[in-house]
N, C-alpha and C. Protein backbone atom coordinates (compact mmCIF):
# COMPACT_ATOMS: atom_id res chain seq x y z
N UNK A 1 0.83 -1.19 0.00
CA UNK A 1 0.00 0.00 0.00
C UNK A 1 0.87 1.25 0.00
N UNK A 2 1.95 1.23 0.76
CA UNK A 2 2.80 2.40 0.85
C UNK A 2 3.50 2.70 -0.48
N UNK A 3 3.77 1.67 -1.24
CA UNK A 3 4.45 1.89 -2.52
C UNK A 3 3.54 2.59 -3.53
N UNK A 4 2.22 2.50 -3.34
CA UNK A 4 1.29 3.22 -4.20
C UNK A 4 1.18 4.69 -3.82
N UNK A 5 1.53 5.03 -2.59
CA UNK A 5 1.44 6.42 -2.15
C UNK A 5 2.60 7.27 -2.63
N UNK A 6 3.75 6.67 -2.87
CA UNK A 6 4.93 7.44 -3.29
C UNK A 6 4.72 8.19 -4.59
N UNK A 7 4.19 7.57 -5.64
CA UNK A 7 3.96 8.36 -6.86
C UNK A 7 2.98 9.51 -6.66
N UNK A 8 1.96 9.28 -5.85
CA UNK A 8 0.99 10.34 -5.57
C UNK A 8 1.66 11.46 -4.80
N UNK A 9 2.47 11.11 -3.81
CA UNK A 9 3.19 12.10 -3.03
C UNK A 9 4.16 12.89 -3.89
N UNK A 10 4.86 12.21 -4.78
CA UNK A 10 5.80 12.90 -5.67
C UNK A 10 5.08 13.78 -6.69
N UNK A 11 3.87 13.38 -7.06
CA UNK A 11 3.13 14.16 -8.04
C UNK A 11 2.49 15.41 -7.41
N UNK A 12 1.87 15.25 -6.24
CA UNK A 12 1.15 16.36 -5.62
C UNK A 12 1.94 17.06 -4.53
N UNK A 13 3.07 16.52 -4.13
CA UNK A 13 3.86 17.11 -3.05
C UNK A 13 4.31 18.53 -3.30
N UNK A 14 4.86 18.84 -4.47
CA UNK A 14 5.31 20.21 -4.71
C UNK A 14 4.17 21.23 -4.71
N UNK A 15 2.95 20.80 -5.03
CA UNK A 15 1.82 21.72 -5.02
C UNK A 15 1.23 21.86 -3.63
N UNK A 16 1.16 20.75 -2.90
CA UNK A 16 0.52 20.77 -1.58
C UNK A 16 1.47 21.20 -0.46
N UNK A 17 2.76 20.99 -0.64
CA UNK A 17 3.72 21.30 0.42
C UNK A 17 3.66 22.74 0.90
N UNK A 18 3.77 23.73 0.01
CA UNK A 18 3.70 25.12 0.47
C UNK A 18 2.36 25.48 1.09
N UNK A 19 1.27 24.90 0.58
CA UNK A 19 -0.04 25.18 1.17
C UNK A 19 -0.15 24.62 2.59
N UNK A 20 0.39 23.43 2.78
CA UNK A 20 0.35 22.82 4.11
C UNK A 20 1.19 23.63 5.08
N UNK A 21 2.37 24.09 4.65
CA UNK A 21 3.23 24.90 5.52
C UNK A 21 2.52 26.21 5.87
N UNK A 22 1.87 26.84 4.90
CA UNK A 22 1.14 28.09 5.14
C UNK A 22 -0.01 27.87 6.13
N UNK A 23 -0.72 26.74 5.97
CA UNK A 23 -1.83 26.42 6.86
C UNK A 23 -1.35 26.18 8.29
N UNK A 24 -0.25 25.44 8.45
CA UNK A 24 0.27 25.15 9.79
C UNK A 24 0.77 26.44 10.45
N UNK A 25 1.42 27.30 9.68
CA UNK A 25 1.85 28.60 10.23
C UNK A 25 0.66 29.43 10.67
N UNK A 26 -0.39 29.44 9.87
CA UNK A 26 -1.58 30.19 10.23
C UNK A 26 -2.22 29.62 11.49
N UNK A 27 -2.26 28.30 11.62
CA UNK A 27 -2.79 27.68 12.85
C UNK A 27 -1.97 28.11 14.06
N UNK A 28 -0.66 28.11 13.93
CA UNK A 28 0.21 28.50 15.03
C UNK A 28 -0.02 29.96 15.40
N UNK A 29 -0.10 30.84 14.40
CA UNK A 29 -0.32 32.26 14.68
C UNK A 29 -1.69 32.51 15.28
N UNK A 30 -2.71 31.79 14.80
CA UNK A 30 -4.05 31.92 15.36
C UNK A 30 -4.06 31.46 16.82
N UNK A 31 -3.31 30.42 17.10
CA UNK A 31 -3.27 29.91 18.47
C UNK A 31 -2.61 30.90 19.41
N UNK A 32 -1.71 31.72 18.90
CA UNK A 32 -1.02 32.70 19.74
C UNK A 32 -1.69 34.07 19.73
N UNK A 33 -2.70 34.26 18.88
CA UNK A 33 -3.35 35.56 18.75
C UNK A 33 -4.31 35.79 19.92
N UNK A 34 -4.28 37.00 20.47
CA UNK A 34 -5.13 37.30 21.63
C UNK A 34 -6.57 37.57 21.23
N UNK A 35 -6.86 37.74 19.95
CA UNK A 35 -8.23 37.98 19.50
C UNK A 35 -9.05 36.70 19.39
N UNK A 36 -8.40 35.55 19.52
CA UNK A 36 -9.09 34.26 19.46
C UNK A 36 -9.43 33.85 20.89
N UNK A 37 -10.65 33.39 21.08
CA UNK A 37 -11.15 32.99 22.39
C UNK A 37 -10.32 31.85 22.99
N UNK A 38 -10.13 31.90 24.30
CA UNK A 38 -9.33 30.89 25.00
C UNK A 38 -9.94 29.49 24.87
N UNK A 39 -11.26 29.38 24.93
CA UNK A 39 -11.90 28.07 24.82
C UNK A 39 -11.67 27.46 23.43
N UNK A 40 -11.63 28.30 22.42
CA UNK A 40 -11.34 27.80 21.07
C UNK A 40 -9.89 27.33 20.99
N UNK A 41 -9.01 28.06 21.66
CA UNK A 41 -7.59 27.69 21.65
C UNK A 41 -7.33 26.35 22.33
N UNK A 42 -8.21 25.94 23.22
CA UNK A 42 -8.02 24.68 23.95
C UNK A 42 -8.36 23.44 23.12
N UNK A 43 -9.01 23.60 21.98
CA UNK A 43 -9.44 22.45 21.19
C UNK A 43 -8.27 21.57 20.75
N UNK A 44 -7.26 22.17 20.15
CA UNK A 44 -6.14 21.39 19.62
C UNK A 44 -5.30 20.77 20.73
N UNK A 45 -4.93 21.52 21.79
CA UNK A 45 -4.18 20.85 22.86
C UNK A 45 -4.94 19.70 23.52
N UNK A 46 -6.24 19.85 23.69
CA UNK A 46 -7.02 18.75 24.27
C UNK A 46 -7.06 17.55 23.34
N UNK A 47 -7.12 17.78 22.03
CA UNK A 47 -7.09 16.67 21.07
C UNK A 47 -5.72 15.99 21.09
N UNK A 48 -4.65 16.77 21.25
CA UNK A 48 -3.31 16.17 21.35
C UNK A 48 -3.17 15.35 22.63
N UNK A 49 -3.74 15.83 23.72
CA UNK A 49 -3.70 15.07 24.97
C UNK A 49 -4.47 13.76 24.80
N UNK A 50 -5.61 13.81 24.12
CA UNK A 50 -6.38 12.59 23.87
C UNK A 50 -5.57 11.62 23.00
N UNK A 51 -4.83 12.13 22.02
CA UNK A 51 -4.06 11.26 21.14
C UNK A 51 -2.92 10.58 21.90
N UNK A 52 -2.34 11.27 22.87
CA UNK A 52 -1.21 10.72 23.61
C UNK A 52 -1.69 9.82 24.76
N UNK A 53 -2.88 10.10 25.28
CA UNK A 53 -3.41 9.35 26.41
C UNK A 53 -3.57 7.88 26.04
N UNK A 54 -3.12 6.95 26.91
CA UNK A 54 -3.14 5.53 26.53
C UNK A 54 -4.53 4.91 26.45
N UNK A 55 -5.51 5.46 27.13
CA UNK A 55 -6.85 4.89 27.08
C UNK A 55 -7.66 5.58 25.99
N UNK A 56 -8.39 4.79 25.22
CA UNK A 56 -9.21 5.33 24.13
C UNK A 56 -10.68 5.18 24.47
N UNK A 57 -11.47 6.10 23.97
CA UNK A 57 -12.92 5.98 24.12
C UNK A 57 -13.47 4.92 23.16
N UNK A 58 -12.82 4.78 22.02
CA UNK A 58 -13.23 3.81 21.01
C UNK A 58 -12.20 2.68 21.01
N UNK A 59 -12.64 1.47 21.18
CA UNK A 59 -11.72 0.34 21.23
C UNK A 59 -11.12 0.06 19.86
N UNK A 60 -9.93 -0.53 19.86
CA UNK A 60 -9.23 -0.81 18.61
C UNK A 60 -9.88 -1.95 17.81
N UNK A 61 -10.74 -2.72 18.43
CA UNK A 61 -11.34 -3.88 17.76
C UNK A 61 -12.54 -3.50 16.89
N UNK A 62 -12.96 -2.26 16.94
CA UNK A 62 -14.12 -1.83 16.15
C UNK A 62 -13.72 -1.86 14.67
N UNK A 63 -14.59 -2.42 13.82
CA UNK A 63 -14.22 -2.57 12.40
C UNK A 63 -14.17 -1.23 11.66
N UNK A 64 -13.70 -1.31 10.42
CA UNK A 64 -13.58 -0.19 9.48
C UNK A 64 -12.54 0.84 9.91
N UNK A 65 -11.63 0.47 10.79
CA UNK A 65 -10.54 1.35 11.15
C UNK A 65 -10.89 2.46 12.12
N UNK A 66 -12.14 2.52 12.57
CA UNK A 66 -12.51 3.60 13.49
C UNK A 66 -11.78 3.49 14.81
N UNK A 67 -11.55 2.30 15.25
CA UNK A 67 -10.88 2.11 16.53
C UNK A 67 -9.40 2.48 16.47
N UNK A 68 -8.77 2.20 15.37
CA UNK A 68 -7.33 2.48 15.26
C UNK A 68 -7.05 3.94 14.92
N UNK A 69 -7.96 4.55 14.20
CA UNK A 69 -7.70 5.91 13.72
C UNK A 69 -8.54 6.96 14.44
N UNK A 70 -9.10 6.63 15.59
CA UNK A 70 -9.94 7.59 16.29
C UNK A 70 -9.12 8.80 16.77
N UNK A 71 -7.84 8.60 17.08
CA UNK A 71 -7.01 9.73 17.49
C UNK A 71 -6.85 10.72 16.35
N UNK A 72 -6.61 10.22 15.16
CA UNK A 72 -6.47 11.10 14.00
C UNK A 72 -7.79 11.79 13.65
N UNK A 73 -8.89 11.06 13.80
CA UNK A 73 -10.19 11.64 13.51
C UNK A 73 -10.50 12.77 14.47
N UNK A 74 -10.24 12.57 15.75
CA UNK A 74 -10.51 13.61 16.75
C UNK A 74 -9.57 14.79 16.56
N UNK A 75 -8.32 14.54 16.23
CA UNK A 75 -7.39 15.64 15.97
C UNK A 75 -7.82 16.43 14.74
N UNK A 76 -8.24 15.74 13.70
CA UNK A 76 -8.73 16.43 12.50
C UNK A 76 -9.98 17.25 12.78
N UNK A 77 -10.90 16.70 13.57
CA UNK A 77 -12.10 17.45 13.94
C UNK A 77 -11.76 18.68 14.78
N UNK A 78 -10.78 18.55 15.67
CA UNK A 78 -10.37 19.68 16.50
C UNK A 78 -9.77 20.79 15.64
N UNK A 79 -8.94 20.43 14.68
CA UNK A 79 -8.34 21.43 13.79
C UNK A 79 -9.43 22.09 12.94
N UNK A 80 -10.35 21.29 12.43
CA UNK A 80 -11.44 21.83 11.62
C UNK A 80 -12.32 22.79 12.43
N UNK A 81 -12.68 22.38 13.66
CA UNK A 81 -13.48 23.25 14.52
C UNK A 81 -12.74 24.53 14.88
N UNK A 82 -11.46 24.40 15.22
CA UNK A 82 -10.65 25.57 15.55
C UNK A 82 -10.62 26.54 14.38
N UNK A 83 -10.39 26.04 13.19
CA UNK A 83 -10.30 26.88 12.00
C UNK A 83 -11.63 27.59 11.72
N UNK A 84 -12.75 26.86 11.88
CA UNK A 84 -14.05 27.45 11.56
C UNK A 84 -14.61 28.32 12.67
N UNK A 85 -14.16 28.17 13.90
CA UNK A 85 -14.66 29.00 14.99
C UNK A 85 -13.85 30.27 15.20
N UNK A 86 -12.66 30.34 14.62
CA UNK A 86 -11.86 31.57 14.71
C UNK A 86 -12.53 32.66 13.89
N UNK A 87 -12.39 33.92 14.33
CA UNK A 87 -12.99 35.02 13.55
C UNK A 87 -12.42 35.08 12.14
N UNK A 88 -13.32 35.26 11.16
CA UNK A 88 -12.93 35.24 9.75
C UNK A 88 -11.87 36.30 9.43
N UNK A 89 -12.01 37.50 9.99
CA UNK A 89 -11.05 38.56 9.68
C UNK A 89 -9.66 38.21 10.19
N UNK A 90 -9.58 37.57 11.34
CA UNK A 90 -8.29 37.19 11.91
C UNK A 90 -7.66 36.06 11.08
N UNK A 91 -8.48 35.13 10.61
CA UNK A 91 -7.98 34.04 9.78
C UNK A 91 -7.44 34.60 8.47
N UNK A 92 -8.20 35.52 7.85
CA UNK A 92 -7.73 36.14 6.60
C UNK A 92 -6.41 36.87 6.80
N UNK A 93 -6.30 37.55 7.93
CA UNK A 93 -5.06 38.29 8.21
C UNK A 93 -3.87 37.36 8.32
N UNK A 94 -4.03 36.25 9.02
CA UNK A 94 -2.92 35.32 9.21
C UNK A 94 -2.62 34.49 7.97
N UNK A 95 -3.59 34.36 7.07
CA UNK A 95 -3.34 33.66 5.81
C UNK A 95 -2.73 34.59 4.76
N UNK A 96 -2.66 35.88 5.08
CA UNK A 96 -2.06 36.84 4.15
C UNK A 96 -3.01 37.28 3.06
N UNK A 97 -4.30 37.11 3.25
CA UNK A 97 -5.29 37.52 2.26
C UNK A 97 -5.68 38.97 2.51
N UNK A 98 -6.03 39.71 1.47
CA UNK A 98 -6.48 41.08 1.68
C UNK A 98 -7.87 41.10 2.31
N UNK A 99 -8.20 42.17 3.01
CA UNK A 99 -9.55 42.24 3.59
C UNK A 99 -10.60 42.32 2.49
N UNK A 100 -11.83 41.93 2.78
CA UNK A 100 -12.87 41.97 1.76
C UNK A 100 -13.13 43.42 1.33
N UNK A 101 -13.54 43.63 0.09
CA UNK A 101 -13.76 45.01 -0.37
C UNK A 101 -14.94 45.65 0.34
N UNK A 102 -14.77 46.93 0.62
CA UNK A 102 -15.84 47.69 1.27
C UNK A 102 -16.66 48.38 0.18
N UNK A 103 -17.93 48.68 0.43
CA UNK A 103 -18.76 49.34 -0.59
C UNK A 103 -18.20 50.69 -1.02
N UNK A 104 -17.62 51.43 -0.07
CA UNK A 104 -17.10 52.75 -0.43
C UNK A 104 -15.86 52.66 -1.30
N UNK A 105 -15.16 51.51 -1.28
CA UNK A 105 -14.02 51.33 -2.16
C UNK A 105 -14.45 51.04 -3.59
N UNK A 106 -15.57 50.34 -3.74
CA UNK A 106 -16.03 49.97 -5.07
C UNK A 106 -16.72 51.12 -5.79
N UNK A 107 -17.57 51.85 -5.09
CA UNK A 107 -18.29 52.96 -5.71
C UNK A 107 -18.35 54.12 -4.72
N UNK A 108 -17.33 54.99 -4.69
CA UNK A 108 -17.31 56.06 -3.70
C UNK A 108 -18.41 57.10 -3.90
N UNK A 109 -19.00 57.20 -5.10
CA UNK A 109 -20.05 58.19 -5.32
C UNK A 109 -21.37 57.80 -4.66
N UNK A 110 -21.57 56.52 -4.37
CA UNK A 110 -22.83 56.09 -3.77
C UNK A 110 -22.82 56.16 -2.24
N UNK A 111 -21.72 56.58 -1.65
CA UNK A 111 -21.61 56.65 -0.20
C UNK A 111 -22.00 58.05 0.27
N UNK A 112 -22.84 58.10 1.28
CA UNK A 112 -23.27 59.38 1.84
C UNK A 112 -22.50 59.61 3.12
N UNK A 113 -21.81 60.75 3.19
CA UNK A 113 -21.10 61.10 4.41
C UNK A 113 -22.08 61.72 5.39
N UNK A 114 -21.87 61.44 6.65
CA UNK A 114 -22.75 62.01 7.66
C UNK A 114 -22.18 61.76 9.04
N UNK A 115 -22.91 62.24 10.03
CA UNK A 115 -22.53 62.04 11.42
C UNK A 115 -23.69 61.39 12.15
N UNK A 116 -23.36 60.64 13.16
CA UNK A 116 -24.39 59.98 13.96
C UNK A 116 -24.18 60.36 15.41
N UNK A 117 -25.28 60.44 16.14
CA UNK A 117 -25.18 60.69 17.57
C UNK A 117 -26.24 59.86 18.27
N UNK A 118 -25.94 59.42 19.47
CA UNK A 118 -26.94 58.62 20.20
C UNK A 118 -28.09 59.51 20.65
N UNK A 119 -29.28 58.95 20.63
CA UNK A 119 -30.47 59.68 21.07
C UNK A 119 -31.12 58.94 22.22
N UNK A 120 -31.84 59.67 23.01
CA UNK A 120 -32.62 59.11 24.13
C UNK A 120 -34.09 59.22 23.80
N UNK A 121 -34.91 58.63 24.66
CA UNK A 121 -36.36 58.78 24.51
C UNK A 121 -36.77 60.21 24.76
N UNK A 122 -36.02 60.92 25.61
CA UNK A 122 -36.36 62.31 25.91
C UNK A 122 -36.20 63.20 24.69
N UNK A 123 -35.29 62.87 23.78
CA UNK A 123 -35.13 63.64 22.54
C UNK A 123 -36.36 63.50 21.65
N UNK A 124 -36.97 62.30 21.64
CA UNK A 124 -38.15 62.09 20.83
C UNK A 124 -39.37 62.85 21.37
N UNK A 125 -39.45 63.00 22.71
CA UNK A 125 -40.57 63.70 23.32
C UNK A 125 -40.52 65.20 23.07
N UNK A 126 -39.32 65.75 22.96
CA UNK A 126 -39.18 67.20 22.72
C UNK A 126 -39.40 67.53 21.26
N UNK A 127 -39.51 66.52 20.46
CA UNK A 127 -39.72 66.78 19.05
C UNK A 127 -38.41 66.93 18.30
N UNK A 128 -37.35 66.47 18.86
CA UNK A 128 -36.07 66.72 18.24
C UNK A 128 -35.41 65.56 17.70
């Protein structure tokens, strides 16, 4: 089985390698960023602790490989959840993507400049 993976790895490795490195760097930076919630940051370390812990929730005798690969499945789910629960703007920043276009950048003539101020109920009663 492993001998069949080598040609695939040699064929797709140069394309996937830089993307994987960029993704891992972004995960590391997101994990160290203070704008990401602490509970979200705990997902990956807890999955790593589960992978290292000698007792499994799923026994190895379960068919279809679920028992043997449950550590990888949980680690993959933790990474997926971490990536999707992080704020989108922070993820874009760490991936090196530009921010999404704003309406005023696309068509500056359609933007109305103005000022806003907070109002109270008392302002409405005075007619103002």
